[in-house]
Amino acid sequence: MVLNYIWIGLILIGVTVGIIHFVLTGQAGVFSEMLNSTFSSAKTGFEISIGLTGVLSLWMGIMKIGERSGVVGQMSRLVSPFFTRMFPCLPKGHPAFGSMLMNLSATMLGIDNAATPLGLQAMREMQETNKNKERASDPMIMFLVLVTSGLTLVPVSIMTYRAQLGAANPADVFLPILLATYFAAMAGIVSVAVAQKINLFNRVVLGTLGGLTLFVGLVIWGAMSLPQETVGKWSGVLAAVILLGVIVWFVVAGMAKRVNVYDAFIDGAKDGFQTAIGIIPYLIAILVAIGIFRASGAMDYVVSGVTWFVSLLGLNTDWVPALPTALMRPLSGSGARGLMVDAMVQYGADSFVGRLVSIVQGSTDTTFYIIAVYFGSVHIKDTRYAVLCGLIADFCGILAAILLGYLFFH
């Protein structure tokens, strides 16, 4: 229901702003731009979904091998003490626990191509225990908000863009990005826990979150002790080794259990193909609404209004040029990435704005894209408070990114 109102609002606000723009300036081209944006956004949504087909087929095939070999069940039991407290509606040892663990691990390593199919597999497994097949369950919402917070240990893609645009030290934003995305994840967990009345002061929960905090601290320490130019290189190598290790682990475990791993892979790959096809209408719907909102100039007016308001309060406005990236981040990953690159080209990769947009880009994930894809894959229509909690995580992550930008680079 919430996504329905957001979708309607984006379209109607965009069209209204376009009409106002035409009345004030007489430029009728805005209507053509909005119309063209619907076609280009629909094309983009289709291309993204088709592009996911191969990756989804691959990783759902691998996960099917893991299921039949018993590895996923072992992983589920490993994380069961913590997950049963964070996802109390799922039974102990549920297969979704293993899929969620692998999804979050891939996300933390910045391996989006692997994270998405693993996350969709978790959604399919949770849907099996969902009593109302069109309404998001509590475990789905908690998982989705964790995904949208985008907790990433090594933002390889952002550092790569910075290097291409001439940053003297592309990895200098590593620490503030890690801190910002961590705050986003914690905000997401707390917001959902409050809504679902989950006790976060349980010893297991506190110990796990404390351990995660310690791990993040060790990663920060290790990265700061290495030459900055080697951080991106070694993180990429580590990600490749881990993924290849998972594939070999699943295949060998399947062989040991005398599983026909080829047939298992094919069965999983078929599910991946069907999932990718099912995503198309949901993704096109949200991208078309975002495209109209952008093309109408509504985003530009929002930025101008914020600049005026911040100036009126007498506050520093140096961060405002990064606002388009911040506002676009929950809406469109590619759009936010384009705005980030544009800001670095305009102001310089090593300028305050150039560094700040990098931190903002890495602080959280694309909430509406993720919700459209993940819920769409299991045909959920009522997302309940998932969007609200996801946006709370986004807001906290972006606010932390701005404050950390001032702390580190201003």
Protein backbone atom coordinates (compact mmCIF):
# COMPACT_ATOMS: atom_id res chain seq x y z
CA MET A 1 0.00 0.00 0.00
CA VAL A 2 2.82 2.42 0.88
CA LEU A 3 4.60 1.73 -2.39
CA ASN A 4 1.32 2.41 -4.20
CA TYR A 5 1.08 5.90 -2.70
CA ILE A 6 4.75 6.61 -3.38
CA TRP A 7 4.37 5.50 -7.00
CA ILE A 8 1.30 7.69 -7.51
CA GLY A 9 2.98 10.61 -5.73
CA LEU A 10 6.13 10.49 -7.86
CA ILE A 11 4.09 10.55 -11.08
CA LEU A 12 1.58 13.23 -10.03
CA ILE A 13 4.20 15.49 -8.45
CA GLY A 14 6.38 15.12 -11.52
CA VAL A 15 3.54 15.97 -13.94
CA THR A 16 2.40 18.89 -11.75
CA VAL A 17 5.91 20.32 -11.62
CA GLY A 18 6.19 19.90 -15.39
CA ILE A 19 2.97 21.86 -15.92
CA ILE A 20 4.13 24.62 -13.58
CA HIS A 21 7.47 24.74 -15.39
CA PHE A 22 5.67 25.12 -18.73
CA VAL A 23 3.38 27.87 -17.42
CA LEU A 24 6.30 29.84 -15.98
CA THR A 25 8.81 29.41 -18.79
CA GLY A 26 6.72 28.49 -21.84
CA GLN A 27 9.07 25.60 -22.61
CA ALA A 28 6.86 22.77 -23.83
CA GLY A 29 9.87 20.46 -24.19
CA VAL A 30 9.45 19.34 -20.59
CA PHE A 31 6.46 17.21 -21.61
CA SER A 32 8.49 15.46 -24.29
CA GLU A 33 11.28 14.87 -21.75
CA MET A 34 8.85 13.32 -19.27
CA LEU A 35 7.29 11.14 -21.95
CA ASN A 36 10.67 10.04 -23.26
CA SER A 37 11.75 9.24 -19.71
CA THR A 38 8.91 6.70 -19.43
CA PHE A 39 10.14 4.90 -22.54
CA SER A 40 13.80 4.98 -21.52
CA SER A 41 12.98 3.92 -17.94
CA ALA A 42 10.84 1.02 -19.15
CA LYS A 43 13.67 -0.05 -21.44
CA THR A 44 16.16 0.23 -18.59
CA GLY A 45 13.94 -1.85 -16.29
CA PHE A 46 13.63 -4.57 -18.92
CA GLU A 47 17.37 -4.56 -19.64
CA ILE A 48 18.23 -4.77 -15.93
CA SER A 49 15.86 -7.70 -15.43
CA ILE A 50 17.17 -9.55 -18.48
CA GLY A 51 20.72 -8.76 -17.37
CA LEU A 52 19.94 -10.41 -14.04
CA THR A 53 18.79 -13.61 -15.73
CA GLY A 54 22.25 -15.11 -16.20
CA VAL A 55 23.48 -14.17 -12.74
CA LEU A 56 20.28 -15.36 -11.07
CA SER A 57 20.39 -18.65 -12.94
CA LEU A 58 24.04 -19.15 -11.94
CA TRP A 59 23.69 -18.44 -8.23
CA MET A 60 20.31 -20.06 -7.72
CA GLY A 61 21.79 -23.14 -9.40
CA ILE A 62 24.71 -23.05 -6.97
CA MET A 63 22.34 -22.55 -4.04
CA LYS A 64 20.26 -25.56 -5.13
CA ILE A 65 23.41 -27.66 -4.97
CA GLY A 66 24.05 -26.27 -1.49
CA GLU A 67 20.51 -27.16 -0.42
CA ARG A 68 20.66 -30.76 -1.64
CA SER A 69 24.14 -31.30 -0.22
CA GLY A 70 23.06 -30.05 3.20
CA VAL A 71 25.51 -27.12 3.31
CA VAL A 72 22.78 -24.48 3.45
CA GLY A 73 21.18 -26.35 6.34
CA GLN A 74 24.51 -26.34 8.19
CA MET A 75 24.87 -22.61 7.64
CA SER A 76 21.32 -22.07 8.87
CA ARG A 77 22.06 -23.90 12.10
CA LEU A 78 25.27 -21.89 12.53
CA VAL A 79 23.48 -18.52 12.50
CA SER A 80 20.28 -19.84 14.06
CA PRO A 81 20.90 -18.48 17.62
CA PHE A 82 21.11 -14.89 16.34
CA PHE A 83 18.67 -15.13 13.45
CA THR A 84 15.94 -16.82 15.50
CA ARG A 85 15.93 -13.74 17.74
CA MET A 86 15.99 -11.25 14.86
CA PHE A 87 13.52 -13.32 12.79
CA PRO A 88 11.33 -14.89 15.51
CA CYS A 89 8.58 -15.88 13.05
CA LEU A 90 10.89 -18.28 11.20
CA PRO A 91 11.46 -21.76 12.69
CA LYS A 92 14.94 -22.74 13.87
CA GLY A 93 17.22 -23.97 11.11
CA HIS A 94 15.05 -22.50 8.34
CA PRO A 95 16.80 -22.65 4.92
CA ALA A 96 16.35 -18.88 4.50
CA PHE A 97 18.91 -18.28 7.26
CA GLY A 98 21.70 -19.70 5.12
CA SER A 99 20.63 -17.70 2.06
CA MET A 100 20.36 -14.50 4.11
CA LEU A 101 23.81 -15.04 5.63
CA MET A 102 25.38 -15.50 2.21
CA ASN A 103 23.49 -12.49 0.80
CA LEU A 104 24.64 -10.19 3.60
CA SER A 105 28.20 -11.52 3.34
CA ALA A 106 28.25 -10.82 -0.41
CA THR A 107 26.82 -7.33 0.19
CA MET A 108 29.49 -6.56 2.79
CA LEU A 109 32.15 -7.55 0.26
CA GLY A 110 30.54 -5.34 -2.40
CA ILE A 111 29.65 -8.29 -4.67
CA ASP A 112 26.22 -7.13 -5.85
CA ASN A 113 26.00 -9.67 -8.67
CA ALA A 114 26.15 -12.49 -6.13
CA ALA A 115 24.17 -10.75 -3.38
CA THR A 116 20.99 -10.20 -5.41
CA PRO A 117 20.25 -13.82 -6.41
CA LEU A 118 21.11 -15.02 -2.90
CA GLY A 119 18.71 -12.46 -1.47
CA LEU A 120 15.96 -13.48 -3.89
CA GLN A 121 16.50 -17.09 -2.88
CA ALA A 122 15.99 -16.07 0.76
CA MET A 123 12.76 -14.28 -0.17
CA ARG A 124 11.44 -17.36 -1.97
CA GLU A 125 12.22 -19.51 1.07
CA MET A 126 10.55 -17.07 3.46
CA GLN A 127 7.51 -16.86 1.21
CA GLU A 128 6.94 -20.59 1.75
CA THR A 129 6.14 -19.93 5.43
CA ASN A 130 4.25 -16.69 4.77
CA LYS A 131 0.54 -17.15 5.55
CA ASN A 132 -0.59 -14.17 3.45
CA LYS A 133 1.21 -14.53 0.11
CA GLU A 134 0.54 -10.94 -0.96
CA ARG A 135 1.53 -9.28 2.33
CA ALA A 136 5.12 -8.84 3.53
CA SER A 137 5.93 -10.96 6.57
CA ASP A 138 7.95 -9.66 9.54
CA PRO A 139 11.09 -11.64 8.57
CA MET A 140 10.90 -10.30 5.01
CA ILE A 141 10.78 -6.72 6.26
CA MET A 142 13.73 -7.16 8.63
CA PHE A 143 15.78 -8.76 5.86
CA LEU A 144 14.85 -6.14 3.26
CA VAL A 145 15.82 -3.28 5.57
CA LEU A 146 19.17 -4.94 6.28
CA VAL A 147 19.73 -5.23 2.53
CA THR A 148 18.69 -1.64 1.79
CA SER A 149 21.09 -0.33 4.44
CA GLY A 150 23.83 -1.63 2.16
CA LEU A 151 26.46 -2.50 4.78
CA THR A 152 29.65 -2.70 2.70
CA LEU A 153 33.15 -3.28 4.04
CA VAL A 154 35.08 -2.41 0.89
CA PRO A 155 33.45 -0.03 -1.67
CA VAL A 156 35.55 -1.15 -4.63
CA SER A 157 33.37 0.44 -7.35
CA ILE A 158 33.44 3.88 -5.73
CA MET A 159 37.20 3.77 -5.32
CA THR A 160 37.49 2.72 -8.97
CA TYR A 161 35.45 5.73 -10.14
CA ARG A 162 37.57 8.03 -8.00
CA ALA A 163 40.74 6.61 -9.51
CA GLN A 164 39.41 7.07 -13.05
CA LEU A 165 38.52 10.69 -12.28
CA GLY A 166 42.00 11.53 -11.04
CA ALA A 167 41.77 11.27 -7.25
CA ALA A 168 45.22 11.40 -5.70
CA ASN A 169 44.17 8.81 -3.12
CA PRO A 170 41.04 6.99 -4.34
CA ALA A 171 40.71 5.03 -1.08
CA ASP A 172 40.69 8.06 1.24
CA VAL A 173 36.88 7.78 1.53
CA PHE A 174 37.05 4.16 2.66
CA LEU A 175 36.81 4.78 6.40
CA PRO A 176 33.95 7.33 6.34
CA ILE A 177 31.96 5.13 3.93
CA LEU A 178 32.38 2.13 6.22
CA LEU A 179 31.24 4.16 9.23
CA ALA A 180 28.28 5.72 7.39
CA THR A 181 26.95 2.41 6.06
CA TYR A 182 27.39 0.84 9.50
CA PHE A 183 25.24 3.58 11.07
CA ALA A 184 22.62 3.02 8.36
CA ALA A 185 22.52 -0.70 9.12
CA MET A 186 22.19 -0.13 12.86
CA ALA A 187 19.39 2.42 12.29
CA GLY A 188 17.56 -0.06 10.07
CA ILE A 189 17.84 -2.85 12.64
CA VAL A 190 16.61 -0.63 15.47
CA SER A 191 13.66 0.77 13.49
CA VAL A 192 12.39 -2.67 12.50
CA ALA A 193 13.06 -4.09 15.96
CA VAL A 194 10.91 -1.34 17.49
CA ALA A 195 8.10 -1.98 15.00
CA GLN A 196 8.23 -5.75 15.59
CA LYS A 197 8.90 -5.51 19.35
CA ILE A 198 12.17 -7.46 19.08
CA ASN A 199 14.36 -7.43 22.19
CA LEU A 200 17.76 -6.07 21.14
CA PHE A 201 19.15 -6.37 24.69
CA ASN A 202 19.24 -10.14 24.54
CA ARG A 203 22.75 -11.49 25.24
CA VAL A 204 22.96 -13.29 21.91
CA VAL A 205 21.86 -10.21 19.96
CA LEU A 206 24.17 -7.87 21.88
CA GLY A 207 27.06 -10.30 21.50
CA THR A 208 26.52 -10.68 17.76
CA LEU A 209 26.14 -6.97 17.08
CA GLY A 210 29.11 -6.29 19.36
CA GLY A 211 31.14 -8.85 17.45
CA LEU A 212 30.16 -7.22 14.18
CA THR A 213 31.24 -3.87 15.57
CA LEU A 214 34.59 -5.37 16.57
CA PHE A 215 34.97 -6.93 13.12
CA VAL A 216 34.25 -3.60 11.43
CA GLY A 217 36.85 -1.99 13.69
CA LEU A 218 39.45 -4.61 12.76
CA VAL A 219 38.73 -4.09 9.06
CA ILE A 220 39.23 -0.36 9.53
CA TRP A 221 42.48 -0.96 11.39
CA GLY A 222 43.73 -3.41 8.78
CA ALA A 223 42.86 -1.12 5.88
CA MET A 224 44.53 1.86 7.54
CA SER A 225 47.70 -0.18 8.15
CA LEU A 226 48.00 -1.08 4.45
CA PRO A 227 49.16 1.27 1.70
CA GLN A 228 45.97 2.90 0.46
CA GLU A 229 46.56 1.99 -3.18
CA THR A 230 46.51 -1.74 -2.34
CA VAL A 231 43.18 -1.75 -0.50
CA GLY A 232 41.02 -1.99 -3.64
CA LYS A 233 43.31 -4.59 -5.22
CA TRP A 234 43.33 -6.97 -2.27
CA SER A 235 39.61 -6.56 -1.59
CA GLY A 236 38.86 -7.67 -5.14
CA VAL A 237 41.14 -10.68 -4.79
CA LEU A 238 39.54 -11.60 -1.46
CA ALA A 239 36.04 -11.39 -2.96
CA ALA A 240 37.02 -13.62 -5.89
CA VAL A 241 38.64 -16.22 -3.61
CA ILE A 242 35.59 -16.34 -1.33
CA LEU A 243 33.11 -16.75 -4.18
CA LEU A 244 35.14 -19.43 -5.93
CA GLY A 245 35.59 -21.13 -2.56
CA VAL A 246 31.82 -21.21 -2.03
CA ILE A 247 31.24 -22.77 -5.46
CA VAL A 248 33.89 -25.45 -4.91
CA TRP A 249 32.64 -26.09 -1.36
CA PHE A 250 29.07 -26.68 -2.54
CA VAL A 251 30.11 -28.91 -5.44
CA VAL A 252 32.47 -31.03 -3.32
CA ALA A 253 29.83 -31.34 -0.57
CA GLY A 254 27.32 -32.46 -3.19
CA MET A 255 29.74 -35.06 -4.49
CA ALA A 256 30.34 -36.34 -0.94
CA LYS A 257 26.57 -36.72 -0.44
CA ARG A 258 26.24 -38.41 -3.86
CA VAL A 259 24.03 -35.62 -5.15
CA ASN A 260 23.63 -35.22 -8.90
CA VAL A 261 25.13 -31.72 -8.82
CA TYR A 262 24.48 -31.06 -12.51
CA ASP A 263 20.76 -31.79 -12.23
CA ALA A 264 20.60 -29.76 -9.01
CA PHE A 265 22.24 -26.82 -10.74
CA ILE A 266 19.84 -27.01 -13.70
CA ASP A 267 16.80 -27.10 -11.39
CA GLY A 268 18.05 -24.04 -9.51
CA ALA A 269 18.94 -22.21 -12.73
CA LYS A 270 15.38 -22.74 -14.02
CA ASP A 271 14.04 -21.10 -10.86
CA GLY A 272 16.46 -18.22 -11.39
CA PHE A 273 15.19 -17.66 -14.92
CA GLN A 274 11.56 -17.59 -13.82
CA THR A 275 12.40 -15.20 -10.99
CA ALA A 276 14.13 -12.77 -13.36
CA ILE A 277 11.13 -12.74 -15.68
CA GLY A 278 8.74 -12.14 -12.78
CA ILE A 279 10.68 -9.06 -11.66
CA ILE A 280 10.20 -7.14 -14.93
CA PRO A 281 6.80 -5.44 -14.33
CA TYR A 282 7.66 -4.42 -10.75
CA LEU A 283 10.98 -2.89 -11.74
CA ILE A 284 9.59 -1.08 -14.78
CA ALA A 285 6.80 0.43 -12.65
CA ILE A 286 9.12 2.05 -10.08
CA LEU A 287 11.71 3.20 -12.65
CA VAL A 288 9.07 4.89 -14.82
CA ALA A 289 7.76 6.88 -11.83
CA ILE A 290 11.28 7.93 -10.85
CA GLY A 291 12.04 8.90 -14.45
CA ILE A 292 9.02 11.25 -14.64
CA PHE A 293 9.96 12.82 -11.31
CA ARG A 294 13.51 13.51 -12.50
CA ALA A 295 12.63 14.69 -16.01
CA SER A 296 10.05 17.18 -14.75
CA GLY A 297 12.73 19.10 -12.84
CA ALA A 298 11.14 18.26 -9.47
CA MET A 299 14.48 17.03 -8.14
CA ASP A 300 16.15 20.33 -9.12
CA TYR A 301 13.47 22.33 -7.31
CA VAL A 302 13.94 20.23 -4.18
CA VAL A 303 17.67 20.93 -4.20
CA SER A 304 17.15 24.65 -4.73
CA GLY A 305 14.63 24.75 -1.91
CA VAL A 306 16.97 23.00 0.50
CA THR A 307 19.79 25.36 -0.42
CA TRP A 308 17.60 28.38 0.27
CA PHE A 309 16.40 26.94 3.58
CA VAL A 310 19.90 26.05 4.79
CA SER A 311 21.16 29.51 3.87
CA LEU A 312 18.22 31.08 5.70
CA LEU A 313 19.27 29.23 8.86
CA GLY A 314 22.77 30.60 8.51
CA LEU A 315 24.30 27.12 8.18
CA ASN A 316 27.16 26.06 5.95
CA THR A 317 25.90 25.10 2.47
CA ASP A 318 29.07 23.46 1.13
CA TRP A 319 27.35 20.05 1.32
CA VAL A 320 24.31 21.03 -0.74
CA PRO A 321 25.88 20.19 -4.16
CA ALA A 322 25.96 16.58 -2.91
CA LEU A 323 22.22 16.65 -2.19
CA PRO A 324 21.10 15.40 -5.65
CA THR A 325 23.17 12.25 -5.14
CA ALA A 326 21.72 11.84 -1.63
CA LEU A 327 18.12 12.24 -2.84
CA MET A 328 18.65 9.97 -5.82
CA ARG A 329 20.40 7.21 -3.84
CA PRO A 330 17.21 5.57 -2.50
CA LEU A 331 15.53 5.92 -5.90
CA SER A 332 18.02 4.82 -8.52
CA GLY A 333 21.48 3.29 -8.19
CA SER A 334 22.53 4.21 -11.71
CA GLY A 335 21.03 7.69 -11.34
CA ALA A 336 22.90 8.31 -8.09
CA ARG A 337 26.09 6.95 -9.62
CA GLY A 338 25.72 9.32 -12.57
CA LEU A 339 25.15 12.28 -10.26
CA MET A 340 28.18 11.27 -8.18
CA VAL A 341 30.40 11.15 -11.26
CA ASP A 342 28.97 14.45 -12.53
CA ALA A 343 29.74 16.14 -9.20
CA MET A 344 33.31 14.81 -9.19
CA VAL A 345 33.83 16.02 -12.76
CA GLN A 346 32.39 19.45 -11.94
CA TYR A 347 34.09 20.04 -8.59
CA GLY A 348 37.05 17.65 -8.74
CA ALA A 349 37.44 14.17 -7.27
CA ASP A 350 39.55 15.50 -4.38
CA SER A 351 37.30 18.46 -3.58
CA PHE A 352 35.06 18.42 -0.53
CA VAL A 353 32.01 17.84 -2.73
CA GLY A 354 33.82 15.14 -4.72
CA ARG A 355 34.68 13.23 -1.57
CA LEU A 356 31.27 13.85 0.02
CA VAL A 357 29.28 12.44 -2.93
CA SER A 358 31.49 9.35 -2.77
CA ILE A 359 30.66 8.86 0.90
CA VAL A 360 26.96 9.45 0.26
CA GLN A 361 26.96 6.95 -2.61
CA GLY A 362 28.48 4.30 -0.37
CA SER A 363 26.44 5.09 2.75
CA THR A 364 23.32 3.11 1.83
CA ASP A 365 21.67 1.20 -1.00
CA THR A 366 18.89 1.76 -3.52
CA THR A 367 15.81 1.23 -1.35
CA PHE A 368 13.07 1.43 -3.98
CA TYR A 369 14.94 -0.72 -6.49
CA ILE A 370 15.61 -3.40 -3.88
CA ILE A 371 12.04 -3.36 -2.58
CA ALA A 372 10.64 -3.55 -6.12
CA VAL A 373 12.93 -6.42 -7.10
CA TYR A 374 12.85 -8.46 -3.89
CA PHE A 375 9.14 -8.12 -3.15
CA GLY A 376 8.30 -8.39 -6.84
CA SER A 377 10.13 -11.71 -7.08
CA VAL A 378 7.60 -13.26 -4.67
CA HIS A 379 4.61 -11.13 -5.80
CA ILE A 380 4.22 -9.19 -2.55
CA LYS A 381 1.79 -6.27 -2.96
CA ASP A 382 1.45 -4.99 0.62
CA THR A 383 4.95 -3.98 1.76
CA ARG A 384 3.65 -2.66 5.12
CA TYR A 385 6.31 -0.49 6.83
CA ALA A 386 9.30 -1.81 4.85
CA VAL A 387 9.65 1.40 2.83
CA LEU A 388 9.47 3.61 5.94
CA CYS A 389 12.12 1.63 7.84
CA GLY A 390 14.29 1.46 4.72
CA LEU A 391 14.10 5.24 4.34
CA ILE A 392 14.96 5.68 8.03
CA ALA A 393 18.13 3.65 7.40
CA ASP A 394 18.81 5.74 4.28
CA PHE A 395 18.32 9.02 6.14
CA CYS A 396 20.63 8.01 8.99
CA GLY A 397 23.27 6.74 6.58
CA ILE A 398 23.18 9.89 4.45
CA LEU A 399 23.15 12.17 7.52
CA ALA A 400 26.13 10.26 8.90
CA ALA A 401 27.85 10.59 5.50
CA ILE A 402 27.46 14.39 5.54
CA LEU A 403 28.70 14.72 9.13
CA LEU A 404 31.63 12.37 8.47
CA GLY A 405 32.47 14.31 5.31
CA TYR A 406 32.83 17.46 7.38
CA LEU A 407 34.77 15.60 10.07
CA PHE A 408 37.29 14.04 7.68
CA PHE A 409 37.62 16.49 4.79
CA HIS A 410 36.24 19.96 5.55
